[in-house]
Amino acid sequence: WEVELGIVIGRRAKYVSEADALGHVAGYTIVNDVSERAFQTE
């Protein structure tokens, strides 16, 4: 299991600066990044 903050992109972002990056975010959500570790690393 892996509880994670999810960023949802709202505006097209290409070569954006860190200062401008949050202006491209529509909002946030929760993601459970479920992971099969044997498949992942072995």
Full PDB file with SEQRES, HELIX, SHEET, SSBOND, CRYST1, ORIGX, SCALE, CONECT and MASTER records, all heavy atoms in Angstrom:
SEQRES   1 A   42  TRP GLU VAL GLU LEU GLY ILE VAL ILE GLY ARG ARG ALA          
SEQRES   2 A   42  LYS TYR VAL SER GLU ALA ASP ALA LEU GLY HIS VAL ALA          
SEQRES   3 A   42  GLY TYR THR ILE VAL ASN ASP VAL SER GLU ARG ALA PHE          
SEQRES   4 A   42  GLN THR GLU                                                  
HELIX    1 AA1 GLU A   18  ALA A   21  1                                   4    
HELIX    2 AA2 LEU A   22  HIS A   24  5                                   3    
HELIX    3 AA3 ARG A   37  THR A   41  1                                   5    
SHEET    1 AA1 2 VAL A   3  ILE A   9  0                                        
SHEET    2 AA1 2 VAL A  25  ASN A  32 -1                                        
CRYST1    1.000    1.000    1.000  90.00  90.00  90.00 P 1           1          
ORIGX1      1.000000  0.000000  0.000000        0.00000                         
ORIGX2      0.000000  1.000000  0.000000        0.00000                         
ORIGX3      0.000000  0.000000  1.000000        0.00000                         
SCALE1      1.000000  0.000000  0.000000        0.00000                         
SCALE2      0.000000  1.000000  0.000000        0.00000                         
SCALE3      0.000000  0.000000  1.000000        0.00000                         
ATOM      1  N   TRP A   1       0.838  -1.203   0.000  1.00  0.00           N  
ATOM      2  CA  TRP A   1       0.000   0.000   0.000  1.00  0.00           C  
ATOM      3  C   TRP A   1       0.872   1.253   0.000  1.00  0.00           C  
ATOM      4  O   TRP A   1       1.997   1.247   0.483  1.00  0.00           O  
ATOM      5  CB  TRP A   1      -0.897   0.002   1.237  1.00  0.00           C  
ATOM      6  CG  TRP A   1      -0.115  -0.146   2.516  1.00  0.00           C  
ATOM      7  CD1 TRP A   1       0.468   0.850   3.246  1.00  0.00           C  
ATOM      8  CD2 TRP A   1       0.186  -1.363   3.204  1.00  0.00           C  
ATOM      9  NE1 TRP A   1       1.112   0.335   4.346  1.00  0.00           N  
ATOM     10  CE2 TRP A   1       0.960  -1.028   4.347  1.00  0.00           C  
ATOM     11  CE3 TRP A   1      -0.118  -2.708   2.974  1.00  0.00           C  
ATOM     12  CZ2 TRP A   1       1.425  -1.975   5.251  1.00  0.00           C  
ATOM     13  CZ3 TRP A   1       0.352  -3.656   3.872  1.00  0.00           C  
ATOM     14  CH2 TRP A   1       1.105  -3.289   4.996  1.00  0.00           C  
ATOM     15  N   GLU A   2       0.332   2.369  -0.530  1.00  0.00           N  
ATOM     16  CA  GLU A   2       1.053   3.642  -0.528  1.00  0.00           C  
ATOM     17  C   GLU A   2       0.059   4.790  -0.640  1.00  0.00           C  
ATOM     18  O   GLU A   2      -0.450   5.064  -1.730  1.00  0.00           O  
ATOM     19  CB  GLU A   2       2.048   3.739  -1.701  1.00  0.00           C  
ATOM     20  CG  GLU A   2       3.191   2.747  -1.654  1.00  0.00           C  
ATOM     21  CD  GLU A   2       4.259   3.037  -2.711  1.00  0.00           C  
ATOM     22  OE1 GLU A   2       4.459   4.225  -3.048  1.00  0.00           O  
ATOM     23  OE2 GLU A   2       4.862   2.081  -3.203  1.00  0.00           O  
ATOM     24  N   VAL A   3      -0.214   5.470   0.445  1.00  0.00           N  
ATOM     25  CA  VAL A   3      -1.056   6.673   0.376  1.00  0.00           C  
ATOM     26  C   VAL A   3      -0.224   7.806  -0.218  1.00  0.00           C  
ATOM     27  O   VAL A   3       0.914   8.031   0.190  1.00  0.00           O  
ATOM     28  CB  VAL A   3      -1.613   7.053   1.765  1.00  0.00           C  
ATOM     29  CG1 VAL A   3      -0.531   7.292   2.793  1.00  0.00           C  
ATOM     30  CG2 VAL A   3      -2.534   8.269   1.657  1.00  0.00           C  
ATOM     31  N   GLU A   4      -0.799   8.508  -1.199  1.00  0.00           N  
ATOM     32  CA  GLU A   4      -0.044   9.548  -1.901  1.00  0.00           C  
ATOM     33  C   GLU A   4      -0.933  10.741  -2.244  1.00  0.00           C  
ATOM     34  O   GLU A   4      -2.124  10.588  -2.558  1.00  0.00           O  
ATOM     35  CB  GLU A   4       0.578   9.002  -3.194  1.00  0.00           C  
ATOM     36  CG  GLU A   4       1.426   7.765  -2.962  1.00  0.00           C  
ATOM     37  CD  GLU A   4       2.459   7.511  -4.039  1.00  0.00           C  
ATOM     38  OE1 GLU A   4       2.586   8.353  -4.951  1.00  0.00           O  
ATOM     39  OE2 GLU A   4       3.136   6.468  -3.961  1.00  0.00           O  
ATOM     40  N   LEU A   5      -0.323  11.916  -2.214  1.00  0.00           N  
ATOM     41  CA  LEU A   5      -0.970  13.117  -2.727  1.00  0.00           C  
ATOM     42  C   LEU A   5      -0.948  13.064  -4.249  1.00  0.00           C  
ATOM     43  O   LEU A   5       0.101  12.855  -4.859  1.00  0.00           O  
ATOM     44  CB  LEU A   5      -0.213  14.355  -2.252  1.00  0.00           C  
ATOM     45  CG  LEU A   5      -0.667  15.692  -2.850  1.00  0.00           C  
ATOM     46  CD1 LEU A   5      -2.016  16.106  -2.292  1.00  0.00           C  
ATOM     47  CD2 LEU A   5       0.387  16.776  -2.602  1.00  0.00           C  
ATOM     48  N   GLY A   6      -2.104  13.267  -4.865  1.00  0.00           N  
ATOM     49  CA  GLY A   6      -2.197  13.302  -6.315  1.00  0.00           C  
ATOM     50  C   GLY A   6      -2.380  14.726  -6.823  1.00  0.00           C  
ATOM     51  O   GLY A   6      -3.240  15.470  -6.318  1.00  0.00           O  
ATOM     52  N   ILE A   7      -1.551  15.114  -7.779  1.00  0.00           N  
ATOM     53  CA  ILE A   7      -1.682  16.411  -8.448  1.00  0.00           C  
ATOM     54  C   ILE A   7      -2.505  16.201  -9.713  1.00  0.00           C  
ATOM     55  O   ILE A   7      -2.187  15.320 -10.524  1.00  0.00           O  
ATOM     56  CB  ILE A   7      -0.314  16.978  -8.855  1.00  0.00           C  
ATOM     57  CG1 ILE A   7       0.642  17.069  -7.667  1.00  0.00           C  
ATOM     58  CG2 ILE A   7      -0.464  18.331  -9.540  1.00  0.00           C  
ATOM     59  CD1 ILE A   7       2.091  17.338  -8.082  1.00  0.00           C  
ATOM     60  N   VAL A   8      -3.528  17.020  -9.915  1.00  0.00           N  
ATOM     61  CA  VAL A   8      -4.321  16.967 -11.146  1.00  0.00           C  
ATOM     62  C   VAL A   8      -3.976  18.190 -11.988  1.00  0.00           C  
ATOM     63  O   VAL A   8      -4.153  19.336 -11.545  1.00  0.00           O  
ATOM     64  CB  VAL A   8      -5.830  16.934 -10.844  1.00  0.00           C  
ATOM     65  CG1 VAL A   8      -6.629  16.889 -12.143  1.00  0.00           C  
ATOM     66  CG2 VAL A   8      -6.163  15.733  -9.962  1.00  0.00           C  
ATOM     67  N   ILE A   9      -3.484  17.948 -13.195  1.00  0.00           N  
ATOM     68  CA  ILE A   9      -3.112  19.047 -14.086  1.00  0.00           C  
ATOM     69  C   ILE A   9      -4.376  19.669 -14.683  1.00  0.00           C  
ATOM     70  O   ILE A   9      -5.290  18.965 -15.125  1.00  0.00           O  
ATOM     71  CB  ILE A   9      -2.179  18.542 -15.200  1.00  0.00           C  
ATOM     72  CG1 ILE A   9      -0.869  18.010 -14.595  1.00  0.00           C  
ATOM     73  CG2 ILE A   9      -1.885  19.653 -16.214  1.00  0.00           C  
ATOM     74  CD1 ILE A   9      -0.066  19.027 -13.816  1.00  0.00           C  
ATOM     75  N   GLY A  10      -4.400  21.000 -14.696  1.00  0.00           N  
ATOM     76  CA  GLY A  10      -5.558  21.717 -15.238  1.00  0.00           C  
ATOM     77  C   GLY A  10      -5.263  22.472 -16.516  1.00  0.00           C  
ATOM     78  O   GLY A  10      -6.154  22.646 -17.355  1.00  0.00           O  
ATOM     79  N   ARG A  11      -4.022  22.934 -16.683  1.00  0.00           N  
ATOM     80  CA  ARG A  11      -3.632  23.639 -17.900  1.00  0.00           C  
ATOM     81  C   ARG A  11      -2.375  23.019 -18.480  1.00  0.00           C  
ATOM     82  O   ARG A  11      -1.492  22.573 -17.750  1.00  0.00           O  
ATOM     83  CB  ARG A  11      -3.359  25.124 -17.608  1.00  0.00           C  
ATOM     84  CG  ARG A  11      -4.568  25.933 -17.219  1.00  0.00           C  
ATOM     85  CD  ARG A  11      -4.298  27.437 -17.381  1.00  0.00           C  
ATOM     86  NE  ARG A  11      -3.207  27.884 -16.526  1.00  0.00           N  
ATOM     87  CZ  ARG A  11      -2.088  28.444 -16.974  1.00  0.00           C  
ATOM     88  NH1 ARG A  11      -1.876  28.587 -18.286  1.00  0.00           N  
ATOM     89  NH2 ARG A  11      -1.150  28.842 -16.139  1.00  0.00           N  
ATOM     90  N   ARG A  12      -2.313  22.978 -19.803  1.00  0.00           N  
ATOM     91  CA  ARG A  12      -1.168  22.401 -20.497  1.00  0.00           C  
ATOM     92  C   ARG A  12       0.129  22.984 -19.947  1.00  0.00           C  
ATOM     93  O   ARG A  12       0.265  24.203 -19.798  1.00  0.00           O  
ATOM     94  CB  ARG A  12      -1.284  22.688 -21.998  1.00  0.00           C  
ATOM     95  CG  ARG A  12      -0.173  22.141 -22.863  1.00  0.00           C  
ATOM     96  CD  ARG A  12      -0.449  22.510 -24.321  1.00  0.00           C  
ATOM     97  NE  ARG A  12       0.586  22.005 -25.223  1.00  0.00           N  
ATOM     98  CZ  ARG A  12       1.699  22.667 -25.534  1.00  0.00           C  
ATOM     99  NH1 ARG A  12       1.924  23.867 -25.007  1.00  0.00           N  
ATOM    100  NH2 ARG A  12       2.579  22.150 -26.363  1.00  0.00           N  
ATOM    101  N   ALA A  13       1.074  22.119 -19.648  1.00  0.00           N  
ATOM    102  CA  ALA A  13       2.342  22.550 -19.057  1.00  0.00           C  
ATOM    103  C   ALA A  13       3.502  21.995 -19.882  1.00  0.00           C  
ATOM    104  O   ALA A  13       3.680  20.780 -19.976  1.00  0.00           O  
ATOM    105  CB  ALA A  13       2.444  22.071 -17.613  1.00  0.00           C  
ATOM    106  N   LYS A  14       4.269  22.879 -20.467  1.00  0.00           N  
ATOM    107  CA  LYS A  14       5.462  22.503 -21.215  1.00  0.00           C  
ATOM    108  C   LYS A  14       6.542  23.535 -20.928  1.00  0.00           C  
ATOM    109  O   LYS A  14       6.333  24.734 -21.137  1.00  0.00           O  
ATOM    110  CB  LYS A  14       5.174  22.428 -22.717  1.00  0.00           C  
ATOM    111  CG  LYS A  14       6.363  21.944 -23.539  1.00  0.00           C  
ATOM    112  CD  LYS A  14       5.984  21.735 -24.997  1.00  0.00           C  
ATOM    113  CE  LYS A  14       7.164  21.163 -25.786  1.00  0.00           C  
ATOM    114  NZ  LYS A  14       6.805  20.908 -27.203  1.00  0.00           N  
ATOM    115  N   TYR A  15       7.669  23.067 -20.425  1.00  0.00           N  
ATOM    116  CA  TYR A  15       8.790  23.946 -20.065  1.00  0.00           C  
ATOM    117  C   TYR A  15       8.370  25.057 -19.105  1.00  0.00           C  
ATOM    118  O   TYR A  15       8.755  26.214 -19.268  1.00  0.00           O  
ATOM    119  CB  TYR A  15       9.432  24.551 -21.316  1.00  0.00           C  
ATOM    120  CG  TYR A  15       9.947  23.537 -22.312  1.00  0.00           C  
ATOM    121  CD1 TYR A  15       9.657  23.667 -23.675  1.00  0.00           C  
ATOM    122  CD2 TYR A  15      10.722  22.462 -21.903  1.00  0.00           C  
ATOM    123  CE1 TYR A  15      10.133  22.736 -24.602  1.00  0.00           C  
ATOM    124  CE2 TYR A  15      11.200  21.527 -22.831  1.00  0.00           C  
ATOM    125  CZ  TYR A  15      10.898  21.666 -24.166  1.00  0.00           C  
ATOM    126  OH  TYR A  15      11.365  20.744 -25.078  1.00  0.00           O  
ATOM    127  N   VAL A  16       7.563  24.722 -18.111  1.00  0.00           N  
ATOM    128  CA  VAL A  16       7.139  25.752 -17.167  1.00  0.00           C  
ATOM    129  C   VAL A  16       8.173  25.886 -16.047  1.00  0.00           C  
ATOM    130  O   VAL A  16       8.861  24.922 -15.692  1.00  0.00           O  
ATOM    131  CB  VAL A  16       5.747  25.459 -16.568  1.00  0.00           C  
ATOM    132  CG1 VAL A  16       4.700  25.363 -17.654  1.00  0.00           C  
ATOM    133  CG2 VAL A  16       5.758  24.208 -15.715  1.00  0.00           C  
ATOM    134  N   SER A  17       8.298  27.077 -15.516  1.00  0.00           N  
ATOM    135  CA  SER A  17       9.213  27.316 -14.396  1.00  0.00           C  
ATOM    136  C   SER A  17       8.572  26.838 -13.109  1.00  0.00           C  
ATOM    137  O   SER A  17       7.346  26.678 -13.003  1.00  0.00           O  
ATOM    138  CB  SER A  17       9.529  28.799 -14.298  1.00  0.00           C  
ATOM    139  OG  SER A  17       8.377  29.518 -13.897  1.00  0.00           O  
ATOM    140  N   GLU A  18       9.411  26.642 -12.103  1.00  0.00           N  
ATOM    141  CA  GLU A  18       8.886  26.276 -10.793  1.00  0.00           C  
ATOM    142  C   GLU A  18       7.984  27.382 -10.251  1.00  0.00           C  
ATOM    143  O   GLU A  18       6.962  27.108  -9.605  1.00  0.00           O  
ATOM    144  CB  GLU A  18      10.048  25.997  -9.846  1.00  0.00           C  
ATOM    145  CG  GLU A  18       9.645  25.360  -8.543  1.00  0.00           C  
ATOM    146  CD  GLU A  18      10.828  24.903  -7.713  1.00  0.00           C  
ATOM    147  OE1 GLU A  18      11.900  24.622  -8.300  1.00  0.00           O  
ATOM    148  OE2 GLU A  18      10.682  24.828  -6.478  1.00  0.00           O  
ATOM    149  N   ALA A  19       8.334  28.633 -10.536  1.00  0.00           N  
ATOM    150  CA  ALA A  19       7.533  29.757 -10.055  1.00  0.00           C  
ATOM    151  C   ALA A  19       6.127  29.765 -10.656  1.00  0.00           C  
ATOM    152  O   ALA A  19       5.173  30.231 -10.016  1.00  0.00           O  
ATOM    153  CB  ALA A  19       8.243  31.072 -10.367  1.00  0.00           C  
ATOM    154  N   ASP A  20       5.989  29.262 -11.878  1.00  0.00           N  
ATOM    155  CA  ASP A  20       4.691  29.267 -12.562  1.00  0.00           C  
ATOM    156  C   ASP A  20       3.948  27.942 -12.459  1.00  0.00           C  
ATOM    157  O   ASP A  20       2.796  27.839 -12.899  1.00  0.00           O  
ATOM    158  CB  ASP A  20       4.891  29.597 -14.051  1.00  0.00           C  
ATOM    159  CG  ASP A  20       5.374  31.014 -14.275  1.00  0.00           C  
ATOM    160  OD1 ASP A  20       5.133  31.870 -13.398  1.00  0.00           O  
ATOM    161  OD2 ASP A  20       6.018  31.270 -15.319  1.00  0.00           O  
ATOM    162  N   ALA A  21       4.579  26.931 -11.902  1.00  0.00           N  
ATOM    163  CA  ALA A  21       4.052  25.567 -11.997  1.00  0.00           C  
ATOM    164  C   ALA A  21       2.681  25.405 -11.359  1.00  0.00           C  
ATOM    165  O   ALA A  21       1.797  24.736 -11.914  1.00  0.00           O  
ATOM    166  CB  ALA A  21       5.047  24.585 -11.368  1.00  0.00           C  
ATOM    167  N   LEU A  22       2.463  26.001 -10.191  1.00  0.00           N  
ATOM    168  CA  LEU A  22       1.193  25.786  -9.494  1.00  0.00           C  
ATOM    169  C   LEU A  22       0.011  26.373 -10.257  1.00  0.00           C  
ATOM    170  O   LEU A  22      -1.134  25.963 -10.049  1.00  0.00           O  
ATOM    171  CB  LEU A  22       1.257  26.370  -8.085  1.00  0.00           C  
ATOM    172  CG  LEU A  22       2.266  25.707  -7.136  1.00  0.00           C  
ATOM    173  CD1 LEU A  22       2.153  26.306  -5.743  1.00  0.00           C  
ATOM    174  CD2 LEU A  22       2.090  24.198  -7.093  1.00  0.00           C  
ATOM    175  N   GLY A  23       0.273  27.307 -11.167  1.00  0.00           N  
ATOM    176  CA  GLY A  23      -0.791  27.851 -11.998  1.00  0.00           C  
ATOM    177  C   GLY A  23      -1.330  26.854 -13.007  1.00  0.00           C  
ATOM    178  O   GLY A  23      -2.347  27.112 -13.653  1.00  0.00           O  
ATOM    179  N   HIS A  24      -0.662  25.734 -13.157  1.00  0.00           N  
ATOM    180  CA  HIS A  24      -1.093  24.687 -14.089  1.00  0.00           C  
ATOM    181  C   HIS A  24      -1.826  23.551 -13.372  1.00  0.00           C  
ATOM    182  O   HIS A  24      -2.171  22.552 -14.001  1.00  0.00           O  
ATOM    183  CB  HIS A  24       0.111  24.143 -14.851  1.00  0.00           C  
ATOM    184  CG  HIS A  24       0.744  25.161 -15.749  1.00  0.00           C  
ATOM    185  ND1 HIS A  24       0.462  25.233 -17.098  1.00  0.00           N  
ATOM    186  CD2 HIS A  24       1.613  26.166 -15.496  1.00  0.00           C  
ATOM    187  CE1 HIS A  24       1.150  26.230 -17.636  1.00  0.00           C  
ATOM    188  NE2 HIS A  24       1.849  26.815 -16.682  1.00  0.00           N  
ATOM    189  N   VAL A  25      -2.047  23.700 -12.076  1.00  0.00           N  
ATOM    190  CA  VAL A  25      -2.677  22.652 -11.268  1.00  0.00           C  
ATOM    191  C   VAL A  25      -4.158  22.951 -11.084  1.00  0.00           C  
ATOM    192  O   VAL A  25      -4.536  24.030 -10.612  1.00  0.00           O  
ATOM    193  CB  VAL A  25      -1.971  22.531  -9.900  1.00  0.00           C  
ATOM    194  CG1 VAL A  25      -2.703  21.550  -9.001  1.00  0.00           C  
ATOM    195  CG2 VAL A  25      -0.512  22.117 -10.086  1.00  0.00           C  
ATOM    196  N   ALA A  26      -5.010  21.983 -11.446  1.00  0.00           N  
ATOM    197  CA  ALA A  26      -6.455  22.146 -11.239  1.00  0.00           C  
ATOM    198  C   ALA A  26      -6.837  21.865  -9.796  1.00  0.00           C  
ATOM    199  O   ALA A  26      -7.794  22.438  -9.270  1.00  0.00           O  
ATOM    200  CB  ALA A  26      -7.225  21.203 -12.160  1.00  0.00           C  
ATOM    201  N   GLY A  27      -6.107  20.948  -9.167  1.00  0.00           N  
ATOM    202  CA  GLY A  27      -6.435  20.588  -7.794  1.00  0.00           C  
ATOM    203  C   GLY A  27      -5.687  19.349  -7.365  1.00  0.00           C  
ATOM    204  O   GLY A  27      -4.753  18.892  -8.037  1.00  0.00           O  
ATOM    205  N   TYR A  28      -6.146  18.804  -6.240  1.00  0.00           N  
ATOM    206  CA  TYR A  28      -5.445  17.686  -5.613  1.00  0.00           C  
ATOM    207  C   TYR A  28      -6.430  16.590  -5.221  1.00  0.00           C  
ATOM    208  O   TYR A  28      -7.618  16.834  -5.007  1.00  0.00           O  
ATOM    209  CB  TYR A  28      -4.690  18.180  -4.378  1.00  0.00           C  
ATOM    210  CG  TYR A  28      -3.699  19.278  -4.714  1.00  0.00           C  
ATOM    211  CD1 TYR A  28      -4.052  20.623  -4.569  1.00  0.00           C  
ATOM    212  CD2 TYR A  28      -2.446  18.981  -5.215  1.00  0.00           C  
ATOM    213  CE1 TYR A  28      -3.167  21.636  -4.898  1.00  0.00           C  
ATOM    214  CE2 TYR A  28      -1.550  19.987  -5.551  1.00  0.00           C  
ATOM    215  CZ  TYR A  28      -1.910  21.309  -5.390  1.00  0.00           C  
ATOM    216  OH  TYR A  28      -1.035  22.301  -5.737  1.00  0.00           O  
ATOM    217  N   THR A  29      -5.901  15.375  -5.113  1.00  0.00           N  
ATOM    218  CA  THR A  29      -6.720  14.237  -4.742  1.00  0.00           C  
ATOM    219  C   THR A  29      -5.838  13.225  -4.026  1.00  0.00           C  
ATOM    220  O   THR A  29      -4.654  13.471  -3.783  1.00  0.00           O  
ATOM    221  CB  THR A  29      -7.403  13.636  -5.993  1.00  0.00           C  
ATOM    222  OG1 THR A  29      -8.361  12.653  -5.597  1.00  0.00           O  
ATOM    223  CG2 THR A  29      -6.380  12.998  -6.937  1.00  0.00           C  
ATOM    224  N   ILE A  30      -6.417  12.099  -3.653  1.00  0.00           N  
ATOM    225  CA  ILE A  30      -5.670  11.016  -3.013  1.00  0.00           C  
ATOM    226  C   ILE A  30      -5.475   9.897  -4.025  1.00  0.00           C  
ATOM    227  O   ILE A  30      -6.402   9.543  -4.763  1.00  0.00           O  
ATOM    228  CB  ILE A  30      -6.412  10.460  -1.794  1.00  0.00           C  
ATOM    229  CG1 ILE A  30      -6.703  11.571  -0.783  1.00  0.00           C  
ATOM    230  CG2 ILE A  30      -5.604   9.342  -1.128  1.00  0.00           C  
ATOM    231  CD1 ILE A  30      -7.600  11.125   0.365  1.00  0.00           C  
ATOM    232  N   VAL A  31      -4.275   9.340  -4.046  1.00  0.00           N  
ATOM    233  CA  VAL A  31      -3.972   8.151  -4.847  1.00  0.00           C  
ATOM    234  C   VAL A  31      -3.426   7.079  -3.917  1.00  0.00           C  
ATOM    235  O   VAL A  31      -2.536   7.359  -3.114  1.00  0.00           O  
ATOM    236  CB  VAL A  31      -2.936   8.455  -5.948  1.00  0.00           C  
ATOM    237  CG1 VAL A  31      -2.625   7.189  -6.754  1.00  0.00           C  
ATOM    238  CG2 VAL A  31      -3.415   9.571  -6.866  1.00  0.00           C  
ATOM    239  N   ASN A  32      -3.957   5.875  -4.003  1.00  0.00           N  
ATOM    240  CA  ASN A  32      -3.328   4.720  -3.357  1.00  0.00           C  
ATOM    241  C   ASN A  32      -2.495   4.028  -4.433  1.00  0.00           C  
ATOM    242  O   ASN A  32      -3.022   3.359  -5.312  1.00  0.00           O  
ATOM    243  CB  ASN A  32      -4.369   3.767  -2.779  1.00  0.00           C  
ATOM    244  CG  ASN A  32      -3.744   2.671  -1.911  1.00  0.00           C  
ATOM    245  OD1 ASN A  32      -2.522   2.553  -1.834  1.00  0.00           O  
ATOM    246  ND2 ASN A  32      -4.574   1.884  -1.256  1.00  0.00           N  
ATOM    247  N   ASP A  33      -1.181   4.255  -4.362  1.00  0.00           N  
ATOM    248  CA  ASP A  33      -0.275   3.680  -5.357  1.00  0.00           C  
ATOM    249  C   ASP A  33       0.047   2.241  -4.957  1.00  0.00           C  
ATOM    250  O   ASP A  33       1.146   1.925  -4.502  1.00  0.00           O  
ATOM    251  CB  ASP A  33       0.994   4.534  -5.460  1.00  0.00           C  
ATOM    252  CG  ASP A  33       2.024   3.956  -6.410  1.00  0.00           C  
ATOM    253  OD1 ASP A  33       1.639   3.177  -7.309  1.00  0.00           O  
ATOM    254  OD2 ASP A  33       3.220   4.274  -6.257  1.00  0.00           O  
ATOM    255  N   VAL A  34      -0.949   1.363  -5.109  1.00  0.00           N  
ATOM    256  CA  VAL A  34      -0.756  -0.054  -4.766  1.00  0.00           C  
ATOM    257  C   VAL A  34       0.351  -0.625  -5.654  1.00  0.00           C  
ATOM    258  O   VAL A  34       0.409  -0.332  -6.854  1.00  0.00           O  
ATOM    259  CB  VAL A  34      -2.070  -0.841  -4.925  1.00  0.00           C  
ATOM    260  CG1 VAL A  34      -1.900  -2.274  -4.429  1.00  0.00           C  
ATOM    261  CG2 VAL A  34      -3.210  -0.153  -4.164  1.00  0.00           C  
ATOM    262  N   SER A  35       1.227  -1.418  -5.044  1.00  0.00           N  
ATOM    263  CA  SER A  35       2.453  -1.838  -5.734  1.00  0.00           C  
ATOM    264  C   SER A  35       2.764  -3.299  -5.406  1.00  0.00           C  
ATOM    265  O   SER A  35       2.826  -3.674  -4.224  1.00  0.00           O  
ATOM    266  CB  SER A  35       3.636  -0.977  -5.271  1.00  0.00           C  
ATOM    267  OG  SER A  35       3.356   0.399  -5.407  1.00  0.00           O  
ATOM    268  N   GLU A  36       2.965  -4.108  -6.442  1.00  0.00           N  
ATOM    269  CA  GLU A  36       3.414  -5.479  -6.233  1.00  0.00           C  
ATOM    270  C   GLU A  36       4.947  -5.472  -6.254  1.00  0.00           C  
ATOM    271  O   GLU A  36       5.557  -5.326  -7.307  1.00  0.00           O  
ATOM    272  CB  GLU A  36       2.848  -6.405  -7.314  1.00  0.00           C  
ATOM    273  CG  GLU A  36       2.516  -7.810  -6.853  1.00  0.00           C  
ATOM    274  CD  GLU A  36       3.691  -8.603  -6.261  1.00  0.00           C  
ATOM    275  OE1 GLU A  36       4.855  -8.331  -6.622  1.00  0.00           O  
ATOM    276  OE2 GLU A  36       3.431  -9.517  -5.462  1.00  0.00           O  
ATOM    277  N   ARG A  37       5.565  -5.579  -5.071  1.00  0.00           N  
ATOM    278  CA  ARG A  37       7.007  -5.362  -4.958  1.00  0.00           C  
ATOM    279  C   ARG A  37       7.831  -6.418  -5.698  1.00  0.00           C  
ATOM    280  O   ARG A  37       8.901  -6.093  -6.240  1.00  0.00           O  
ATOM    281  CB  ARG A  37       7.417  -5.342  -3.481  1.00  0.00           C  
ATOM    282  CG  ARG A  37       6.681  -4.325  -2.623  1.00  0.00           C  
ATOM    283  CD  ARG A  37       6.910  -2.907  -3.094  1.00  0.00           C  
ATOM    284  NE  ARG A  37       6.364  -1.944  -2.106  1.00  0.00           N  
ATOM    285  CZ  ARG A  37       6.299  -0.658  -2.298  1.00  0.00           C  
ATOM    286  NH1 ARG A  37       6.703  -0.123  -3.440  1.00  0.00           N  
ATOM    287  NH2 ARG A  37       5.794   0.149  -1.371  1.00  0.00           N  
ATOM    288  N   ALA A  38       7.373  -7.660  -5.719  1.00  0.00           N  
ATOM    289  CA  ALA A  38       8.125  -8.681  -6.450  1.00  0.00           C  
ATOM    290  C   ALA A  38       8.099  -8.386  -7.944  1.00  0.00           C  
ATOM    291  O   ALA A  38       9.129  -8.476  -8.625  1.00  0.00           O  
ATOM    292  CB  ALA A  38       7.567 -10.076  -6.164  1.00  0.00           C  
ATOM    293  N   PHE A  39       6.943  -8.010  -8.472  1.00  0.00           N  
ATOM    294  CA  PHE A  39       6.854  -7.627  -9.883  1.00  0.00           C  
ATOM    295  C   PHE A  39       7.727  -6.401 -10.147  1.00  0.00           C  
ATOM    296  O   PHE A  39       8.352  -6.271 -11.191  1.00  0.00           O  
ATOM    297  CB  PHE A  39       5.412  -7.270 -10.259  1.00  0.00           C  
ATOM    298  CG  PHE A  39       4.417  -8.411 -10.257  1.00  0.00           C  
ATOM    299  CD1 PHE A  39       4.738  -9.667  -9.780  1.00  0.00           C  
ATOM    300  CD2 PHE A  39       3.132  -8.194 -10.739  1.00  0.00           C  
ATOM    301  CE1 PHE A  39       3.806 -10.700  -9.769  1.00  0.00           C  
ATOM    302  CE2 PHE A  39       2.191  -9.220 -10.745  1.00  0.00           C  
ATOM    303  CZ  PHE A  39       2.525 -10.469 -10.249  1.00  0.00           C  
ATOM    304  N   GLN A  40       7.744  -5.485  -9.168  1.00  0.00           N  
ATOM    305  CA  GLN A  40       8.398  -4.186  -9.330  1.00  0.00           C  
ATOM    306  C   GLN A  40       9.923  -4.297  -9.368  1.00  0.00           C  
ATOM    307  O   GLN A  40      10.584  -3.632 -10.173  1.00  0.00           O  
ATOM    308  CB  GLN A  40       7.986  -3.260  -8.183  1.00  0.00           C  
ATOM    309  CG  GLN A  40       8.636  -1.888  -8.190  1.00  0.00           C  
ATOM    310  CD  GLN A  40       8.249  -1.076  -6.959  1.00  0.00           C  
ATOM    311  OE1 GLN A  40       7.377  -1.459  -6.182  1.00  0.00           O  
ATOM    312  NE2 GLN A  40       8.903   0.054  -6.769  1.00  0.00           N  
ATOM    313  N   THR A  41      10.480  -5.118  -8.462  1.00  0.00           N  
ATOM    314  CA  THR A  41      11.935  -5.079  -8.269  1.00  0.00           C  
ATOM    315  C   THR A  41      12.658  -6.405  -8.474  1.00  0.00           C  
ATOM    316  O   THR A  41      13.889  -6.418  -8.526  1.00  0.00           O  
ATOM    317  CB  THR A  41      12.262  -4.583  -6.851  1.00  0.00           C  
ATOM    318  OG1 THR A  41      11.731  -5.502  -5.879  1.00  0.00           O  
ATOM    319  CG2 THR A  41      11.672  -3.196  -6.613  1.00  0.00           C  
ATOM    320  N   GLU A  42      11.921  -7.507  -8.586  1.00  0.00           N  
ATOM    321  CA  GLU A  42      12.575  -8.815  -8.641  1.00  0.00           C  
ATOM    322  C   GLU A  42      12.437  -9.513  -9.988  1.00  0.00           C  
ATOM    323  O   GLU A  42      12.965 -10.615 -10.163  1.00  0.00           O  
ATOM    324  CB  GLU A  42      12.023  -9.723  -7.535  1.00  0.00           C  
ATOM    325  CG  GLU A  42      12.245  -9.169  -6.133  1.00  0.00           C  
ATOM    326  CD  GLU A  42      11.561  -9.995  -5.057  1.00  0.00           C  
ATOM    327  OE1 GLU A  42      11.224 -11.172  -5.336  1.00  0.00           O  
ATOM    328  OE2 GLU A  42      11.360  -9.465  -3.937  1.00  0.00           O  
TER     329      GLU A  42                                                      
MASTER        0    0    0    3    2    0    0    6  328    1    0    4          
END                                                                             
